[in-house]
């Protein structure tokens, strides 16, 4: 899931860039920044680090199985030629 703390930090940093004359609107702008950032990140269809690591592990296991199957096929082909 999206790290809410990071979104809050970025929204706060954006709000601090608001000119001093608009300080009264700063809180509203920070909330709006937070909502826009969260919505934009959700649209990116990102995965969590845990999901990424799980899929990586599945891919590594699949790769190992393919290597083992290729080795066995080569063995069988060699044995058949003899």
C-alpha atoms as a PDB file:
ATOM      1  CA  UNK A   1       0.000   0.000   0.000  1.00  0.00           C
ATOM      2  CA  UNK A   2       1.024   3.636  -0.333  1.00  0.00           C
ATOM      3  CA  UNK A   3       3.104   5.063   2.513  1.00  0.00           C
ATOM      4  CA  UNK A   4       0.772   7.683   4.007  1.00  0.00           C
ATOM      5  CA  UNK A   5       3.577   9.219   6.064  1.00  0.00           C
ATOM      6  CA  UNK A   6       5.559  10.021   2.912  1.00  0.00           C
ATOM      7  CA  UNK A   7       2.494  11.591   1.286  1.00  0.00           C
ATOM      8  CA  UNK A   8       1.922  13.696   4.399  1.00  0.00           C
ATOM      9  CA  UNK A   9       5.546  14.860   4.390  1.00  0.00           C
ATOM     10  CA  UNK A  10       5.424  15.801   0.714  1.00  0.00           C
ATOM     11  CA  UNK A  11       2.094  17.615   1.133  1.00  0.00           C
ATOM     12  CA  UNK A  12       3.530  19.542   4.085  1.00  0.00           C
ATOM     13  CA  UNK A  13       6.651  20.475   2.112  1.00  0.00           C
ATOM     14  CA  UNK A  14       4.481  21.726  -0.761  1.00  0.00           C
ATOM     15  CA  UNK A  15       2.340  23.729   1.659  1.00  0.00           C
ATOM     16  CA  UNK A  16       5.433  25.422   3.102  1.00  0.00           C
ATOM     17  CA  UNK A  17       6.149  26.780  -0.374  1.00  0.00           C
ATOM     18  CA  UNK A  18       2.920  28.777  -0.285  1.00  0.00           C
ATOM     19  CA  UNK A  19       3.707  32.512   0.003  1.00  0.00           C
ATOM     20  CA  UNK A  20       3.305  34.006   3.501  1.00  0.00           C
ATOM     21  CA  UNK A  21       0.362  36.148   2.379  1.00  0.00           C
ATOM     22  CA  UNK A  22      -1.645  32.980   1.829  1.00  0.00           C
ATOM     23  CA  UNK A  23      -0.818  31.431   5.205  1.00  0.00           C
ATOM     24  CA  UNK A  24      -4.509  31.259   6.115  1.00  0.00           C
ATOM     25  CA  UNK A  25      -5.118  28.932   3.173  1.00  0.00           C
ATOM     26  CA  UNK A  26      -2.025  26.812   3.891  1.00  0.00           C
ATOM     27  CA  UNK A  27      -3.889  24.105   5.862  1.00  0.00           C
ATOM     28  CA  UNK A  28      -6.539  23.772   3.149  1.00  0.00           C
ATOM     29  CA  UNK A  29      -3.871  23.633   0.466  1.00  0.00           C
ATOM     30  CA  UNK A  30      -1.926  20.993   2.412  1.00  0.00           C
ATOM     31  CA  UNK A  31      -5.052  18.835   2.652  1.00  0.00           C
ATOM     32  CA  UNK A  32      -5.682  19.311  -1.064  1.00  0.00           C
ATOM     33  CA  UNK A  33      -2.062  18.459  -1.897  1.00  0.00           C
ATOM     34  CA  UNK A  34      -2.367  15.302   0.207  1.00  0.00           C
ATOM     35  CA  UNK A  35      -5.561  14.220  -1.565  1.00  0.00           C
ATOM     36  CA  UNK A  36      -4.155  14.911  -5.042  1.00  0.00           C
ATOM     37  CA  UNK A  37      -0.919  13.057  -4.285  1.00  0.00           C
ATOM     38  CA  UNK A  38      -2.734  10.047  -2.820  1.00  0.00           C
ATOM     39  CA  UNK A  39      -5.142   9.890  -5.765  1.00  0.00           C
ATOM     40  CA  UNK A  40      -2.304  10.174  -8.287  1.00  0.00           C
ATOM     41  CA  UNK A  41      -0.301   7.406  -6.630  1.00  0.00           C
ATOM     42  CA  UNK A  42      -3.330   5.105  -6.480  1.00  0.00           C
ATOM     43  CA  UNK A  43      -3.798   5.549 -10.229  1.00  0.00           C
ATOM     44  CA  UNK A  44      -0.237   4.328 -10.834  1.00  0.00           C
ATOM     45  CA  UNK A  45      -1.322   0.847  -9.717  1.00  0.00           C
ATOM     46  CA  UNK A  46       1.798   0.342  -7.614  1.00  0.00           C
ATOM     47  CA  UNK A  47       2.491  -2.794  -5.606  1.00  0.00           C
ATOM     48  CA  UNK A  48       3.882  -3.010  -2.118  1.00  0.00           C
ATOM     49  CA  UNK A  49       7.454  -4.089  -1.491  1.00  0.00           C
ATOM     50  CA  UNK A  50       6.125  -7.299   0.086  1.00  0.00           C
ATOM     51  CA  UNK A  51       4.112  -8.154  -3.036  1.00  0.00           C
ATOM     52  CA  UNK A  52       7.113  -7.390  -5.223  1.00  0.00           C
ATOM     53  CA  UNK A  53       9.415  -9.581  -3.116  1.00  0.00           C
ATOM     54  CA  UNK A  54       6.883 -12.435  -3.130  1.00  0.00           C
ATOM     55  CA  UNK A  55       6.612 -12.349  -6.928  1.00  0.00           C
ATOM     56  CA  UNK A  56      10.382 -12.149  -7.219  1.00  0.00           C
ATOM     57  CA  UNK A  57      10.729 -15.295  -5.106  1.00  0.00           C
ATOM     58  CA  UNK A  58       8.179 -17.104  -7.301  1.00  0.00           C
ATOM     59  CA  UNK A  59      10.094 -16.044 -10.404  1.00  0.00           C
ATOM     60  CA  UNK A  60      13.403 -17.242  -8.949  1.00  0.00           C
ATOM     61  CA  UNK A  61      11.901 -20.633  -8.050  1.00  0.00           C
ATOM     62  CA  UNK A  62      10.422 -20.932 -11.545  1.00  0.00           C
ATOM     63  CA  UNK A  63      13.772 -20.068 -13.108  1.00  0.00           C
ATOM     64  CA  UNK A  64      15.513 -22.733 -10.997  1.00  0.00           C
ATOM     65  CA  UNK A  65      12.923 -25.314 -12.034  1.00  0.00           C
ATOM     66  CA  UNK A  66      13.383 -24.439 -15.709  1.00  0.00           C
ATOM     67  CA  UNK A  67      17.156 -24.803 -15.401  1.00  0.00           C
ATOM     68  CA  UNK A  68      16.717 -28.186 -13.721  1.00  0.00           C
ATOM     69  CA  UNK A  69      14.235 -29.355 -16.383  1.00  0.00           C
ATOM     70  CA  UNK A  70      16.582 -28.239 -19.172  1.00  0.00           C
ATOM     71  CA  UNK A  71      19.387 -30.219 -17.522  1.00  0.00           C
ATOM     72  CA  UNK A  72      17.186 -33.321 -17.280  1.00  0.00           C
ATOM     73  CA  UNK A  73      16.065 -33.028 -20.922  1.00  0.00           C
ATOM     74  CA  UNK A  74      19.692 -32.758 -22.028  1.00  0.00           C
ATOM     75  CA  UNK A  75      20.515 -35.830 -19.924  1.00  0.00           C
ATOM     76  CA  UNK A  76      17.660 -37.808 -21.458  1.00  0.00           C
ATOM     77  CA  UNK A  77      18.596 -36.742 -24.995  1.00  0.00           C
ATOM     78  CA  UNK A  78      22.191 -37.773 -24.379  1.00  0.00           C
ATOM     79  CA  UNK A  79      21.130 -41.141 -22.937  1.00  0.00           C
ATOM     80  CA  UNK A  80      18.845 -41.772 -25.884  1.00  0.00           C
ATOM     81  CA  UNK A  81      21.659 -41.230 -28.383  1.00  0.00           C
ATOM     82  CA  UNK A  82      23.775 -43.899 -26.761  1.00  0.00           C
END
